[in-house]
Amino acid sequence: MLDSICLDHDLEKVSGPLNVSQASRAQEGKVKRMRYLVVLENGPSSYGAHVPDLPGCVVAGESREEVLSLIRKAIALHSEGLKEQDQPIPAPASISDHVEVESA
């Protein structure tokens, strides 16, 4: 299962429409929204998620909702760490598709 997560460069979590403050900053050119591909994995007893464009950005949780909440926080922390180390924040580049195959 694949999802996309949006995050602005000011490291505030964005899970829906921009609020008034974010919209104002976006108009001023201070906020750059980024949409990362998130791969969700449904295991036997838990869910996992990782962001292919952010190596090491991985979470696990008990439900899909929990994993999506955790991965938003992980993306923000990962990006914050990169900024603190004067490293560039990778631009989203991953895409996804599905391939249908015959069952063996």
Protein backbone atom coordinates (compact mmCIF):
# COMPACT_ATOMS: atom_id res chain seq x y z
CA MET A 1 0.00 0.00 0.00
CA LEU A 2 1.40 3.40 -0.94
CA ASP A 3 0.57 6.83 0.42
CA SER A 4 1.93 10.32 -0.01
CA ILE A 5 2.76 12.66 2.84
CA CYS A 6 3.11 16.45 2.53
CA LEU A 7 5.60 18.37 4.62
CA ASP A 8 6.68 21.98 4.37
CA HIS A 9 10.31 23.06 4.60
CA ASP A 10 9.65 24.86 7.91
CA LEU A 11 9.12 21.36 9.33
CA GLU A 12 5.53 21.75 10.43
CA LYS A 13 3.44 18.66 9.87
CA VAL A 14 0.87 19.14 7.14
CA SER A 15 -1.77 16.48 6.74
CA GLY A 16 -4.45 18.49 5.03
CA PRO A 17 -5.12 21.98 3.75
CA LEU A 18 -2.78 24.75 4.85
CA ASN A 19 -3.99 26.78 7.82
CA VAL A 20 -4.11 30.58 7.62
CA SER A 21 -0.57 31.04 8.97
CA GLN A 22 0.89 28.43 6.61
CA ALA A 23 -1.02 29.84 3.64
CA SER A 24 0.26 33.33 4.45
CA ARG A 25 3.88 32.11 4.64
CA ALA A 26 3.41 30.07 1.45
CA GLN A 27 2.29 33.21 -0.36
CA GLU A 28 5.40 34.98 0.92
CA GLY A 29 7.50 32.15 -0.55
CA LYS A 30 8.75 30.91 2.83
CA VAL A 31 7.04 27.52 2.76
CA LYS A 32 7.80 24.84 0.24
CA ARG A 33 5.44 21.89 0.43
CA MET A 34 6.99 18.56 -0.40
CA ARG A 35 5.03 15.37 -1.15
CA TYR A 36 6.96 12.21 -0.24
CA LEU A 37 5.99 8.71 -1.26
CA VAL A 38 5.45 6.53 1.81
CA VAL A 39 5.44 2.74 1.51
CA LEU A 40 3.13 1.07 4.03
CA GLU A 41 3.57 -2.57 4.93
CA ASN A 42 0.87 -4.60 6.66
CA GLY A 43 2.59 -7.32 8.68
CA PRO A 44 1.04 -10.18 10.65
CA SER A 45 0.83 -8.15 13.86
CA SER A 46 1.82 -4.58 12.98
CA TYR A 47 2.24 -1.99 10.25
CA GLY A 48 5.45 -0.46 9.00
CA ALA A 49 6.25 2.53 6.81
CA HIS A 50 9.32 3.95 5.13
CA VAL A 51 10.14 6.85 2.82
CA PRO A 52 12.29 5.76 -0.15
CA ASP A 53 13.58 9.31 -0.69
CA LEU A 54 14.72 9.62 2.94
CA PRO A 55 16.92 6.61 3.74
CA GLY A 56 16.57 5.56 7.36
CA CYS A 57 13.17 7.21 7.78
CA VAL A 58 11.24 4.16 9.05
CA VAL A 59 8.48 3.59 11.61
CA ALA A 60 6.31 0.76 12.94
CA GLY A 61 2.97 0.82 14.72
CA GLU A 62 -0.15 -1.12 15.52
CA SER A 63 -2.47 0.47 12.94
CA ARG A 64 -2.37 2.23 9.59
CA GLU A 65 -3.47 5.48 11.23
CA GLU A 66 -0.74 5.25 13.86
CA VAL A 67 1.95 4.54 11.24
CA LEU A 68 0.85 7.51 9.12
CA SER A 69 0.99 9.79 12.16
CA LEU A 70 4.41 8.44 13.15
CA ILE A 71 5.88 8.75 9.64
CA ARG A 72 4.84 12.41 9.46
CA LYS A 73 6.74 13.02 12.68
CA ALA A 74 9.69 10.95 11.44
CA ILE A 75 9.89 12.95 8.21
CA ALA A 76 9.89 16.19 10.21
CA LEU A 77 12.61 14.93 12.57
CA HIS A 78 14.68 13.54 9.71
CA SER A 79 14.45 16.84 7.82
CA GLU A 80 15.27 18.82 10.97
CA GLY A 81 18.37 16.70 11.53
CA LEU A 82 19.52 17.26 7.96
CA LYS A 83 19.04 21.02 8.32
CA GLU A 84 20.98 21.06 11.61
CA GLN A 85 23.86 19.29 9.84
CA ASP A 86 23.70 21.73 6.91
CA GLN A 87 22.70 18.85 4.64
CA PRO A 88 20.18 19.33 1.83
CA ILE A 89 16.72 17.88 2.28
CA PRO A 90 16.23 15.45 -0.60
CA ALA A 91 13.51 16.41 -3.02
CA PRO A 92 10.78 13.83 -3.47
CA ALA A 93 11.60 11.73 -6.51
CA SER A 94 10.05 8.30 -5.94
CA ILE A 95 6.98 7.25 -7.84
CA SER A 96 4.87 4.13 -7.63
CA ASP A 97 2.85 1.83 -9.78
CA HIS A 98 1.29 -1.60 -9.53
CA VAL A 99 2.16 -4.63 -11.62
CA GLU A 100 -0.36 -7.39 -12.13
CA VAL A 101 0.96 -10.96 -12.49
CA GLU A 102 -0.56 -14.40 -12.83
CA SER A 103 -0.90 -16.32 -9.57
CA ALA A 104 1.32 -19.41 -9.39
